[in-house]
Amino acid sequence: MRAQARSIDLETCLLKHVSWGTPEGAAERIGRLHVAYHSPFGPLAGASSLVLAPLWLTVTAIGVVQIRQRRVADHRRWMIRSFALTMSIVINRLVGVPIFVALYLLLGTSDEQTLQRIGAPIVAWSSWILAVVLVERCLRRESAGPPQSEKLAEPPPG
């Protein structure tokens, strides 16, 4: 019980600093909307950020509401989603290089503006959509339990 109390205290502390608990956390997320609107990568990449920012805010807010209602399992699932959306920027960096190299090879142009105009929206949208798809797949697989072949068979009667 003591370890669980420490775990909840640590999570509360992190929650206050990572999400809405501080003015900086809220301002940072709201600031993303402003940056998205003025995206230097064009309107399609900016549109991705305009969808991602409120989605991220909503998912995190739902996670906060869940823990305040003491629904720990639901909170965990929502905060995993929030973390996946947070990590979409890392995925952005990982998929960006291969996508731009592929575009360079497919289009046969080294014009940076053309590559950026086409590649930036692909990278922007694919990074967070990939994060959401992967985490949802893991969460659904987890909630479904082990596959049929892994379930223990009932012992034969007798």
C-alpha atoms as a PDB file:
ATOM      1  CA  MET A   1       0.000   0.000   0.000  1.00  0.00           C
ATOM      2  CA  ARG A   2       2.858   2.352   0.799  1.00  0.00           C
ATOM      3  CA  ALA A   3       4.442   1.890  -2.670  1.00  0.00           C
ATOM      4  CA  GLN A   4       1.078   2.572  -4.303  1.00  0.00           C
ATOM      5  CA  ALA A   5       0.672   5.815  -2.314  1.00  0.00           C
ATOM      6  CA  ARG A   6       4.153   6.936  -3.386  1.00  0.00           C
ATOM      7  CA  SER A   7       3.317   6.075  -6.985  1.00  0.00           C
ATOM      8  CA  ILE A   8       0.131   8.170  -6.871  1.00  0.00           C
ATOM      9  CA  ASP A   9       2.022  11.081  -5.230  1.00  0.00           C
ATOM     10  CA  LEU A  10       4.669  10.942  -7.968  1.00  0.00           C
ATOM     11  CA  GLU A  11       1.999  10.830 -10.647  1.00  0.00           C
ATOM     12  CA  THR A  12       0.174  13.792  -9.091  1.00  0.00           C
ATOM     13  CA  CYS A  13       3.412  15.772  -9.029  1.00  0.00           C
ATOM     14  CA  LEU A  14       4.152  14.931 -12.672  1.00  0.00           C
ATOM     15  CA  LEU A  15       0.569  15.676 -13.663  1.00  0.00           C
ATOM     16  CA  LYS A  16       0.761  19.147 -12.170  1.00  0.00           C
ATOM     17  CA  HIS A  17       3.920  19.962 -14.094  1.00  0.00           C
ATOM     18  CA  VAL A  18       3.179  18.236 -17.385  1.00  0.00           C
ATOM     19  CA  SER A  19      -0.440  19.081 -18.063  1.00  0.00           C
ATOM     20  CA  TRP A  20      -2.892  21.713 -16.858  1.00  0.00           C
ATOM     21  CA  GLY A  21      -1.550  21.967 -13.325  1.00  0.00           C
ATOM     22  CA  THR A  22       0.733  24.883 -14.120  1.00  0.00           C
ATOM     23  CA  PRO A  23       0.132  27.996 -16.184  1.00  0.00           C
ATOM     24  CA  GLU A  24       3.194  27.048 -18.237  1.00  0.00           C
ATOM     25  CA  GLY A  25       1.692  23.669 -19.198  1.00  0.00           C
ATOM     26  CA  ALA A  26      -1.573  25.199 -20.341  1.00  0.00           C
ATOM     27  CA  ALA A  27       0.137  28.117 -22.074  1.00  0.00           C
ATOM     28  CA  GLU A  28       2.488  25.776 -23.916  1.00  0.00           C
ATOM     29  CA  ARG A  29      -0.390  23.744 -25.331  1.00  0.00           C
ATOM     30  CA  ILE A  30      -2.428  26.799 -26.251  1.00  0.00           C
ATOM     31  CA  GLY A  31       0.697  28.363 -27.779  1.00  0.00           C
ATOM     32  CA  ARG A  32       0.882  25.419 -30.159  1.00  0.00           C
ATOM     33  CA  LEU A  33      -2.362  26.596 -31.731  1.00  0.00           C
ATOM     34  CA  HIS A  34      -0.784  29.978 -32.509  1.00  0.00           C
ATOM     35  CA  VAL A  35       2.325  28.337 -33.979  1.00  0.00           C
ATOM     36  CA  ALA A  36       0.164  25.979 -36.047  1.00  0.00           C
ATOM     37  CA  TYR A  37      -1.809  28.845 -37.529  1.00  0.00           C
ATOM     38  CA  HIS A  38       1.394  30.586 -38.625  1.00  0.00           C
ATOM     39  CA  SER A  39       3.167  27.435 -39.861  1.00  0.00           C
ATOM     40  CA  PRO A  40       6.209  28.123 -42.048  1.00  0.00           C
ATOM     41  CA  PHE A  41       5.600  24.751 -43.728  1.00  0.00           C
ATOM     42  CA  GLY A  42       2.369  25.695 -45.464  1.00  0.00           C
ATOM     43  CA  PRO A  43      -1.330  25.412 -44.742  1.00  0.00           C
ATOM     44  CA  LEU A  44      -1.550  21.601 -44.942  1.00  0.00           C
ATOM     45  CA  ALA A  45       1.183  21.072 -42.353  1.00  0.00           C
ATOM     46  CA  GLY A  46      -0.367  23.838 -40.254  1.00  0.00           C
ATOM     47  CA  ALA A  47      -3.749  22.109 -40.496  1.00  0.00           C
ATOM     48  CA  SER A  48      -2.177  18.991 -39.016  1.00  0.00           C
ATOM     49  CA  SER A  49      -1.007  21.001 -36.022  1.00  0.00           C
ATOM     50  CA  LEU A  50      -4.408  22.680 -35.739  1.00  0.00           C
ATOM     51  CA  VAL A  51      -5.952  19.234 -35.377  1.00  0.00           C
ATOM     52  CA  LEU A  52      -3.188  17.815 -33.170  1.00  0.00           C
ATOM     53  CA  ALA A  53      -3.098  20.637 -30.594  1.00  0.00           C
ATOM     54  CA  PRO A  54      -6.777  20.488 -29.513  1.00  0.00           C
ATOM     55  CA  LEU A  55      -6.716  16.683 -29.737  1.00  0.00           C
ATOM     56  CA  TRP A  56      -3.732  16.626 -27.399  1.00  0.00           C
ATOM     57  CA  LEU A  57      -5.428  19.081 -25.026  1.00  0.00           C
ATOM     58  CA  THR A  58      -8.634  17.048 -25.015  1.00  0.00           C
ATOM     59  CA  VAL A  59      -6.957  13.687 -24.461  1.00  0.00           C
ATOM     60  CA  THR A  60      -4.861  15.074 -21.600  1.00  0.00           C
ATOM     61  CA  ALA A  61      -7.892  16.804 -20.038  1.00  0.00           C
ATOM     62  CA  ILE A  62      -9.879  13.555 -20.166  1.00  0.00           C
ATOM     63  CA  GLY A  63      -6.974  11.806 -18.428  1.00  0.00           C
ATOM     64  CA  VAL A  64      -6.969  14.456 -15.696  1.00  0.00           C
ATOM     65  CA  VAL A  65     -10.730  14.136 -15.204  1.00  0.00           C
ATOM     66  CA  GLN A  66     -10.417  10.340 -15.003  1.00  0.00           C
ATOM     67  CA  ILE A  67      -7.827  10.449 -12.203  1.00  0.00           C
ATOM     68  CA  ARG A  68      -9.801  13.054 -10.279  1.00  0.00           C
ATOM     69  CA  GLN A  69     -12.722  10.632 -10.411  1.00  0.00           C
ATOM     70  CA  ARG A  70     -10.351   7.929  -9.081  1.00  0.00           C
ATOM     71  CA  ARG A  71     -10.756   5.902 -12.284  1.00  0.00           C
ATOM     72  CA  VAL A  72      -7.106   4.854 -12.390  1.00  0.00           C
ATOM     73  CA  ALA A  73      -7.355   2.293 -15.216  1.00  0.00           C
ATOM     74  CA  ASP A  74      -9.174   4.758 -17.500  1.00  0.00           C
ATOM     75  CA  HIS A  75      -6.745   7.523 -16.532  1.00  0.00           C
ATOM     76  CA  ARG A  76      -3.820   5.294 -17.443  1.00  0.00           C
ATOM     77  CA  ARG A  77      -5.253   4.575 -20.900  1.00  0.00           C
ATOM     78  CA  TRP A  78      -5.916   8.263 -21.607  1.00  0.00           C
ATOM     79  CA  MET A  79      -2.491   9.343 -20.407  1.00  0.00           C
ATOM     80  CA  ILE A  80      -0.874   6.692 -22.608  1.00  0.00           C
ATOM     81  CA  ARG A  81      -2.725   8.297 -25.517  1.00  0.00           C
ATOM     82  CA  SER A  82      -1.524  11.723 -24.378  1.00  0.00           C
ATOM     83  CA  PHE A  83       2.054  10.473 -24.196  1.00  0.00           C
ATOM     84  CA  ALA A  84       1.765   9.006 -27.696  1.00  0.00           C
ATOM     85  CA  LEU A  85       0.595  12.377 -29.026  1.00  0.00           C
ATOM     86  CA  THR A  86       3.443  14.048 -27.155  1.00  0.00           C
ATOM     87  CA  MET A  87       5.944  11.647 -28.706  1.00  0.00           C
ATOM     88  CA  SER A  88       4.585  12.308 -32.199  1.00  0.00           C
ATOM     89  CA  ILE A  89       7.274  14.982 -32.552  1.00  0.00           C
ATOM     90  CA  VAL A  90       9.907  12.259 -32.125  1.00  0.00           C
ATOM     91  CA  ILE A  91       8.135  10.129 -34.720  1.00  0.00           C
ATOM     92  CA  ASN A  92       8.063  13.230 -36.921  1.00  0.00           C
ATOM     93  CA  ARG A  93      11.850  13.365 -36.825  1.00  0.00           C
ATOM     94  CA  LEU A  94      12.187   9.628 -37.459  1.00  0.00           C
ATOM     95  CA  VAL A  95       9.858   9.457 -40.469  1.00  0.00           C
ATOM     96  CA  GLY A  96      10.855  12.832 -41.891  1.00  0.00           C
ATOM     97  CA  VAL A  97      14.228  11.830 -43.299  1.00  0.00           C
ATOM     98  CA  PRO A  98      13.036   8.681 -45.126  1.00  0.00           C
ATOM     99  CA  ILE A  99      10.016  10.511 -46.526  1.00  0.00           C
ATOM    100  CA  PHE A 100      12.107  13.406 -47.826  1.00  0.00           C
ATOM    101  CA  VAL A 101      14.688  11.021 -49.308  1.00  0.00           C
ATOM    102  CA  ALA A 102      11.905   9.051 -51.021  1.00  0.00           C
ATOM    103  CA  LEU A 103      10.371  12.259 -52.393  1.00  0.00           C
ATOM    104  CA  TYR A 104      13.777  13.411 -53.613  1.00  0.00           C
ATOM    105  CA  LEU A 105      14.244  10.132 -55.466  1.00  0.00           C
ATOM    106  CA  LEU A 106      10.680   9.931 -56.802  1.00  0.00           C
ATOM    107  CA  LEU A 107      10.411  13.540 -57.944  1.00  0.00           C
ATOM    108  CA  GLY A 108      13.975  13.792 -59.186  1.00  0.00           C
ATOM    109  CA  THR A 109      14.272  17.368 -57.990  1.00  0.00           C
ATOM    110  CA  SER A 110      16.542  19.029 -55.498  1.00  0.00           C
ATOM    111  CA  ASP A 111      14.342  22.120 -55.278  1.00  0.00           C
ATOM    112  CA  GLU A 112      14.037  22.562 -51.523  1.00  0.00           C
ATOM    113  CA  GLN A 113      10.761  24.495 -51.693  1.00  0.00           C
ATOM    114  CA  THR A 114       9.058  21.826 -53.785  1.00  0.00           C
ATOM    115  CA  LEU A 115      10.239  19.043 -51.501  1.00  0.00           C
ATOM    116  CA  GLN A 116       9.164  21.002 -48.429  1.00  0.00           C
ATOM    117  CA  ARG A 117       5.755  21.911 -49.891  1.00  0.00           C
ATOM    118  CA  ILE A 118       5.009  18.241 -50.617  1.00  0.00           C
ATOM    119  CA  GLY A 119       6.915  16.507 -47.803  1.00  0.00           C
ATOM    120  CA  ALA A 120       6.074  18.664 -44.788  1.00  0.00           C
ATOM    121  CA  PRO A 121       2.330  17.867 -44.784  1.00  0.00           C
ATOM    122  CA  ILE A 122       3.007  14.161 -45.297  1.00  0.00           C
ATOM    123  CA  VAL A 123       5.426  14.092 -42.370  1.00  0.00           C
ATOM    124  CA  ALA A 124       3.228  16.302 -40.157  1.00  0.00           C
ATOM    125  CA  TRP A 125       0.068  14.240 -40.598  1.00  0.00           C
ATOM    126  CA  SER A 126       1.692  10.809 -40.656  1.00  0.00           C
ATOM    127  CA  SER A 127       3.685  11.315 -37.444  1.00  0.00           C
ATOM    128  CA  TRP A 128       0.800  11.832 -35.050  1.00  0.00           C
ATOM    129  CA  ILE A 129      -1.616   9.568 -36.916  1.00  0.00           C
ATOM    130  CA  LEU A 130       0.966   6.781 -36.724  1.00  0.00           C
ATOM    131  CA  ALA A 131       1.360   7.414 -32.977  1.00  0.00           C
ATOM    132  CA  VAL A 132      -2.414   7.263 -32.415  1.00  0.00           C
ATOM    133  CA  VAL A 133      -2.871   4.120 -34.509  1.00  0.00           C
ATOM    134  CA  LEU A 134      -0.030   2.293 -32.750  1.00  0.00           C
ATOM    135  CA  VAL A 135      -1.156   3.193 -29.228  1.00  0.00           C
ATOM    136  CA  GLU A 136      -4.808   2.375 -29.958  1.00  0.00           C
ATOM    137  CA  ARG A 137      -3.800  -0.975 -31.371  1.00  0.00           C
ATOM    138  CA  CYS A 138      -1.761  -1.740 -28.237  1.00  0.00           C
ATOM    139  CA  LEU A 139      -4.539  -0.585 -25.899  1.00  0.00           C
ATOM    140  CA  ARG A 140      -7.182  -2.644 -27.699  1.00  0.00           C
ATOM    141  CA  ARG A 141      -4.952  -5.681 -27.772  1.00  0.00           C
ATOM    142  CA  GLU A 142      -4.331  -5.242 -24.028  1.00  0.00           C
ATOM    143  CA  SER A 143      -8.034  -4.925 -23.210  1.00  0.00           C
ATOM    144  CA  ALA A 144      -8.919  -7.957 -25.336  1.00  0.00           C
ATOM    145  CA  GLY A 145      -6.662 -10.193 -23.271  1.00  0.00           C
ATOM    146  CA  PRO A 146      -4.415 -12.915 -24.598  1.00  0.00           C
ATOM    147  CA  PRO A 147      -5.156 -14.433 -28.020  1.00  0.00           C
ATOM    148  CA  GLN A 148      -7.251 -17.592 -28.052  1.00  0.00           C
ATOM    149  CA  SER A 149      -4.197 -19.827 -28.569  1.00  0.00           C
ATOM    150  CA  GLU A 150      -2.549 -18.436 -25.413  1.00  0.00           C
ATOM    151  CA  LYS A 151      -5.526 -18.943 -23.117  1.00  0.00           C
ATOM    152  CA  LEU A 152      -5.234 -21.869 -20.765  1.00  0.00           C
ATOM    153  CA  ALA A 153      -7.351 -24.827 -21.748  1.00  0.00           C
ATOM    154  CA  GLU A 154      -9.724 -26.205 -19.188  1.00  0.00           C
ATOM    155  CA  PRO A 155      -8.545 -29.512 -17.736  1.00  0.00           C
ATOM    156  CA  PRO A 156     -10.484 -32.518 -18.987  1.00  0.00           C
ATOM    157  CA  PRO A 157     -13.186 -33.715 -16.599  1.00  0.00           C
ATOM    158  CA  GLY A 158     -12.392 -36.704 -14.506  1.00  0.00           C
END
